[in-house]
C-alpha cells in the first residue's frame, strides 16, 4: 500500500516529506562533490577569488576569513563528505519507506530529525545562523506532521470514528 494524501494536512505532510527527500538527494550530491574536490583546488579558487579584494584591503574581513578557512580543509573535507553522504542516504531511504507506508520509517524519521534538531540548536549557539533556525523550525514542523500521520496510519479505525 502506498501513501496517498487525502486531506489538507496529509498533503502538507507529503510536500514536507518530498522536500526532505530532495534535501537528501542534494546532500548525497554534495557529499560526492566533496570527495572529488581536492583541498588544494579549493584553496587555489579561494585565493583567486579573494586576491583583488586583499590587494585593496589586506585586512578585509570576508576575504581573509574565506582564505583562512580553505587553508585548513584536509580532514574536514572528508568528514563533511562522509557526513553528507550518510545523512542524505538515510533521509532518502526513510522518505522512500514512508511513501510506501513502512511504519518503522515514521519513527526513524521522527528520531533522526529530533537528533538533528538538537545538533542544529547546538551549532546555532556558535554560529548564530538564521538559516539554522529556519531549518530547525522546518524540521520541527516535519516531526509534528510525521507524528500526526504515524498516529493516523497506525490506528486507522479511530480516524474514521
C-alpha atoms as a PDB file:
ATOM      1  CA  UNK A   1       0.000   0.000   0.000  1.00  0.00           C
ATOM      2  CA  UNK A   2       1.375   3.396  -0.968  1.00  0.00           C
ATOM      3  CA  UNK A   3       0.996   6.694   0.885  1.00  0.00           C
ATOM      4  CA  UNK A   4      -1.812   8.783  -0.573  1.00  0.00           C
ATOM      5  CA  UNK A   5      -2.620  12.274   0.614  1.00  0.00           C
ATOM      6  CA  UNK A   6      -6.349  12.740   1.057  1.00  0.00           C
ATOM      7  CA  UNK A   7      -6.767  15.701   3.414  1.00  0.00           C
ATOM      8  CA  UNK A   8      -5.007  19.062   3.515  1.00  0.00           C
ATOM      9  CA  UNK A   9      -2.766  18.066   6.447  1.00  0.00           C
ATOM     10  CA  UNK A  10      -1.850  14.874   4.564  1.00  0.00           C
ATOM     11  CA  UNK A  11      -0.867  16.979   1.554  1.00  0.00           C
ATOM     12  CA  UNK A  12       1.265  19.292   3.698  1.00  0.00           C
ATOM     13  CA  UNK A  13       2.930  16.200   5.161  1.00  0.00           C
ATOM     14  CA  UNK A  14       3.531  14.779   1.690  1.00  0.00           C
ATOM     15  CA  UNK A  15       5.106  18.017   0.430  1.00  0.00           C
ATOM     16  CA  UNK A  16       7.292  18.212   3.543  1.00  0.00           C
ATOM     17  CA  UNK A  17       8.418  14.617   3.127  1.00  0.00           C
ATOM     18  CA  UNK A  18       9.190  15.166  -0.552  1.00  0.00           C
ATOM     19  CA  UNK A  19      11.256  18.244   0.391  1.00  0.00           C
ATOM     20  CA  UNK A  20      13.142  16.076   2.900  1.00  0.00           C
ATOM     21  CA  UNK A  21      13.811  13.560   0.123  1.00  0.00           C
ATOM     22  CA  UNK A  22      15.033  16.305  -2.205  1.00  0.00           C
ATOM     23  CA  UNK A  23      17.267  17.590   0.581  1.00  0.00           C
ATOM     24  CA  UNK A  24      18.659  14.067   0.943  1.00  0.00           C
ATOM     25  CA  UNK A  25      19.430  13.913  -2.783  1.00  0.00           C
ATOM     26  CA  UNK A  26      21.210  17.275  -2.605  1.00  0.00           C
ATOM     27  CA  UNK A  27      23.224  16.097   0.407  1.00  0.00           C
ATOM     28  CA  UNK A  28      24.332  12.970  -1.460  1.00  0.00           C
ATOM     29  CA  UNK A  29      25.327  15.080  -4.470  1.00  0.00           C
ATOM     30  CA  UNK A  30      27.197  17.488  -2.198  1.00  0.00           C
ATOM     31  CA  UNK A  31      28.964  14.635  -0.417  1.00  0.00           C
ATOM     32  CA  UNK A  32      30.060  13.109  -3.709  1.00  0.00           C
ATOM     33  CA  UNK A  33      31.256  16.502  -4.898  1.00  0.00           C
ATOM     34  CA  UNK A  34      33.300  16.987  -1.734  1.00  0.00           C
ATOM     35  CA  UNK A  35      35.001  13.632  -2.334  1.00  0.00           C
ATOM     36  CA  UNK A  36      36.013  14.825  -5.793  1.00  0.00           C
ATOM     37  CA  UNK A  37      37.352  18.235  -4.722  1.00  0.00           C
ATOM     38  CA  UNK A  38      40.997  18.419  -3.743  1.00  0.00           C
ATOM     39  CA  UNK A  39      41.720  20.811  -0.845  1.00  0.00           C
ATOM     40  CA  UNK A  40      44.462  22.436  -2.931  1.00  0.00           C
ATOM     41  CA  UNK A  41      41.979  23.215  -5.704  1.00  0.00           C
ATOM     42  CA  UNK A  42      39.581  24.809  -3.258  1.00  0.00           C
ATOM     43  CA  UNK A  43      42.406  26.830  -1.714  1.00  0.00           C
ATOM     44  CA  UNK A  44      43.523  27.968  -5.186  1.00  0.00           C
ATOM     45  CA  UNK A  45      39.959  29.019  -6.062  1.00  0.00           C
ATOM     46  CA  UNK A  46      39.658  30.982  -2.807  1.00  0.00           C
ATOM     47  CA  UNK A  47      42.992  32.685  -3.448  1.00  0.00           C
ATOM     48  CA  UNK A  48      41.929  33.635  -6.966  1.00  0.00           C
ATOM     49  CA  UNK A  49      38.535  34.963  -5.830  1.00  0.00           C
ATOM     50  CA  UNK A  50      39.887  36.996  -2.897  1.00  0.00           C
ATOM     51  CA  UNK A  51      43.129  38.254  -4.473  1.00  0.00           C
ATOM     52  CA  UNK A  52      41.678  41.508  -5.837  1.00  0.00           C
ATOM     53  CA  UNK A  53      39.909  42.340  -2.574  1.00  0.00           C
ATOM     54  CA  UNK A  54      43.022  41.634  -0.485  1.00  0.00           C
ATOM     55  CA  UNK A  55      45.145  43.884  -2.717  1.00  0.00           C
ATOM     56  CA  UNK A  56      42.724  46.755  -1.995  1.00  0.00           C
ATOM     57  CA  UNK A  57      42.388  45.955   1.720  1.00  0.00           C
ATOM     58  CA  UNK A  58      44.733  43.303   3.167  1.00  0.00           C
ATOM     59  CA  UNK A  59      42.559  43.111   6.314  1.00  0.00           C
ATOM     60  CA  UNK A  60      39.226  42.625   4.513  1.00  0.00           C
ATOM     61  CA  UNK A  61      37.167  40.553   6.943  1.00  0.00           C
ATOM     62  CA  UNK A  62      35.326  38.355   4.445  1.00  0.00           C
ATOM     63  CA  UNK A  63      38.271  37.740   2.120  1.00  0.00           C
ATOM     64  CA  UNK A  64      40.701  36.876   4.931  1.00  0.00           C
ATOM     65  CA  UNK A  65      38.205  34.503   6.542  1.00  0.00           C
ATOM     66  CA  UNK A  66      37.478  32.738   3.259  1.00  0.00           C
ATOM     67  CA  UNK A  67      41.186  32.340   2.583  1.00  0.00           C
ATOM     68  CA  UNK A  68      41.915  31.175   6.120  1.00  0.00           C
ATOM     69  CA  UNK A  69      39.098  28.613   6.151  1.00  0.00           C
ATOM     70  CA  UNK A  70      40.213  26.969   2.900  1.00  0.00           C
ATOM     71  CA  UNK A  71      43.807  26.569   4.084  1.00  0.00           C
ATOM     72  CA  UNK A  72      42.849  24.038   6.787  1.00  0.00           C
ATOM     73  CA  UNK A  73      40.404  21.776   4.987  1.00  0.00           C
ATOM     74  CA  UNK A  74      42.151  18.397   4.531  1.00  0.00           C
ATOM     75  CA  UNK A  75      40.407  16.120   7.048  1.00  0.00           C
ATOM     76  CA  UNK A  76      37.373  18.395   7.349  1.00  0.00           C
ATOM     77  CA  UNK A  77      36.525  17.872   3.702  1.00  0.00           C
ATOM     78  CA  UNK A  78      36.499  14.094   4.076  1.00  0.00           C
ATOM     79  CA  UNK A  79      34.439  14.299   7.283  1.00  0.00           C
ATOM     80  CA  UNK A  80      31.939  16.644   5.593  1.00  0.00           C
ATOM     81  CA  UNK A  81      31.700  14.342   2.561  1.00  0.00           C
ATOM     82  CA  UNK A  82      31.041  11.244   4.691  1.00  0.00           C
ATOM     83  CA  UNK A  83      28.580  13.166   6.886  1.00  0.00           C
ATOM     84  CA  UNK A  84      26.607  14.467   3.905  1.00  0.00           C
ATOM     85  CA  UNK A  85      26.560  11.090   2.166  1.00  0.00           C
ATOM     86  CA  UNK A  86      25.417   9.212   5.272  1.00  0.00           C
ATOM     87  CA  UNK A  87      22.804  11.783   6.252  1.00  0.00           C
ATOM     88  CA  UNK A  88      21.492  12.072   2.685  1.00  0.00           C
ATOM     89  CA  UNK A  89      21.234   8.322   2.128  1.00  0.00           C
ATOM     90  CA  UNK A  90      19.398   7.811   5.427  1.00  0.00           C
ATOM     91  CA  UNK A  91      16.924  10.574   4.537  1.00  0.00           C
ATOM     92  CA  UNK A  92      16.298   9.148   1.079  1.00  0.00           C
ATOM     93  CA  UNK A  93      15.677   5.658   2.475  1.00  0.00           C
ATOM     94  CA  UNK A  94      13.334   6.940   5.201  1.00  0.00           C
ATOM     95  CA  UNK A  95      11.347   9.097   2.779  1.00  0.00           C
ATOM     96  CA  UNK A  96      11.080   6.216   0.290  1.00  0.00           C
ATOM     97  CA  UNK A  97       9.881   3.861   3.009  1.00  0.00           C
ATOM     98  CA  UNK A  98       7.359   6.376   4.384  1.00  0.00           C
ATOM     99  CA  UNK A  99       5.938   6.892   0.923  1.00  0.00           C
ATOM    100  CA  UNK A 100       5.482   3.100   0.834  1.00  0.00           C
ATOM    101  CA  UNK A 101       3.791   3.021   4.270  1.00  0.00           C
ATOM    102  CA  UNK A 102       6.551   1.279   6.228  1.00  0.00           C
ATOM    103  CA  UNK A 103       5.681   2.185   9.817  1.00  0.00           C
ATOM    104  CA  UNK A 104       9.218   1.785  11.164  1.00  0.00           C
ATOM    105  CA  UNK A 105      10.322   4.610   8.853  1.00  0.00           C
ATOM    106  CA  UNK A 106       7.962   7.093  10.505  1.00  0.00           C
ATOM    107  CA  UNK A 107       9.650   6.523  13.857  1.00  0.00           C
ATOM    108  CA  UNK A 108      13.075   6.550  12.231  1.00  0.00           C
ATOM    109  CA  UNK A 109      12.383   9.919  10.646  1.00  0.00           C
ATOM    110  CA  UNK A 110      10.988  11.326  13.887  1.00  0.00           C
ATOM    111  CA  UNK A 111      14.000  10.292  15.986  1.00  0.00           C
ATOM    112  CA  UNK A 112      16.577  11.190  13.341  1.00  0.00           C
ATOM    113  CA  UNK A 113      15.051  14.627  12.810  1.00  0.00           C
ATOM    114  CA  UNK A 114      14.848  15.332  16.551  1.00  0.00           C
ATOM    115  CA  UNK A 115      18.509  14.348  16.830  1.00  0.00           C
ATOM    116  CA  UNK A 116      19.442  16.782  14.083  1.00  0.00           C
ATOM    117  CA  UNK A 117      17.306  19.498  15.652  1.00  0.00           C
ATOM    118  CA  UNK A 118      19.312  19.098  18.855  1.00  0.00           C
ATOM    119  CA  UNK A 119      22.561  19.229  16.898  1.00  0.00           C
ATOM    120  CA  UNK A 120      21.380  22.268  14.910  1.00  0.00           C
ATOM    121  CA  UNK A 121      20.478  24.060  18.145  1.00  0.00           C
ATOM    122  CA  UNK A 122      23.949  23.294  19.497  1.00  0.00           C
ATOM    123  CA  UNK A 123      25.548  24.617  16.285  1.00  0.00           C
ATOM    124  CA  UNK A 124      23.382  27.737  16.493  1.00  0.00           C
ATOM    125  CA  UNK A 125      24.932  28.550  19.863  1.00  0.00           C
ATOM    126  CA  UNK A 126      28.231  29.026  17.980  1.00  0.00           C
ATOM    127  CA  UNK A 127      27.205  30.336  14.572  1.00  0.00           C
ATOM    128  CA  UNK A 128      24.015  32.342  15.308  1.00  0.00           C
ATOM    129  CA  UNK A 129      22.960  31.471  11.768  1.00  0.00           C
ATOM    130  CA  UNK A 130      19.381  32.351  10.875  1.00  0.00           C
ATOM    131  CA  UNK A 131      19.388  29.515   8.327  1.00  0.00           C
ATOM    132  CA  UNK A 132      19.902  27.026  11.181  1.00  0.00           C
ATOM    133  CA  UNK A 133      16.896  28.499  12.966  1.00  0.00           C
ATOM    134  CA  UNK A 134      14.770  28.200   9.831  1.00  0.00           C
ATOM    135  CA  UNK A 135      15.960  24.640   9.207  1.00  0.00           C
ATOM    136  CA  UNK A 136      15.203  23.687  12.814  1.00  0.00           C
ATOM    137  CA  UNK A 137      11.704  25.186  12.601  1.00  0.00           C
ATOM    138  CA  UNK A 138      11.090  23.319   9.315  1.00  0.00           C
ATOM    139  CA  UNK A 139      12.324  20.105  10.955  1.00  0.00           C
ATOM    140  CA  UNK A 140      10.005  20.715  13.916  1.00  0.00           C
ATOM    141  CA  UNK A 141       7.042  21.002  11.553  1.00  0.00           C
ATOM    142  CA  UNK A 142       8.123  17.778   9.818  1.00  0.00           C
ATOM    143  CA  UNK A 143       8.354  15.979  13.182  1.00  0.00           C
ATOM    144  CA  UNK A 144       4.884  17.189  14.164  1.00  0.00           C
ATOM    145  CA  UNK A 145       3.344  16.185  10.825  1.00  0.00           C
ATOM    146  CA  UNK A 146       5.100  12.812  10.918  1.00  0.00           C
ATOM    147  CA  UNK A 147       3.816  12.100  14.442  1.00  0.00           C
ATOM    148  CA  UNK A 148       0.265  13.010  13.387  1.00  0.00           C
ATOM    149  CA  UNK A 149       0.471  10.944  10.201  1.00  0.00           C
ATOM    150  CA  UNK A 150       2.016   7.978  12.021  1.00  0.00           C
ATOM    151  CA  UNK A 151      -0.804   8.060  14.579  1.00  0.00           C
ATOM    152  CA  UNK A 152      -3.472   8.162  11.868  1.00  0.00           C
ATOM    153  CA  UNK A 153      -1.926   5.292   9.928  1.00  0.00           C
ATOM    154  CA  UNK A 154      -1.252   3.182  12.989  1.00  0.00           C
ATOM    155  CA  UNK A 155      -4.851   3.452  14.229  1.00  0.00           C
ATOM    156  CA  UNK A 156      -6.953   3.946  11.054  1.00  0.00           C
ATOM    157  CA  UNK A 157     -10.211   2.854  12.713  1.00  0.00           C
ATOM    158  CA  UNK A 158     -10.036   5.666  15.305  1.00  0.00           C
ATOM    159  CA  UNK A 159      -9.700   8.168  12.450  1.00  0.00           C
ATOM    160  CA  UNK A 160     -12.954   7.138  10.805  1.00  0.00           C
ATOM    161  CA  UNK A 161     -14.891   7.008  14.096  1.00  0.00           C
END
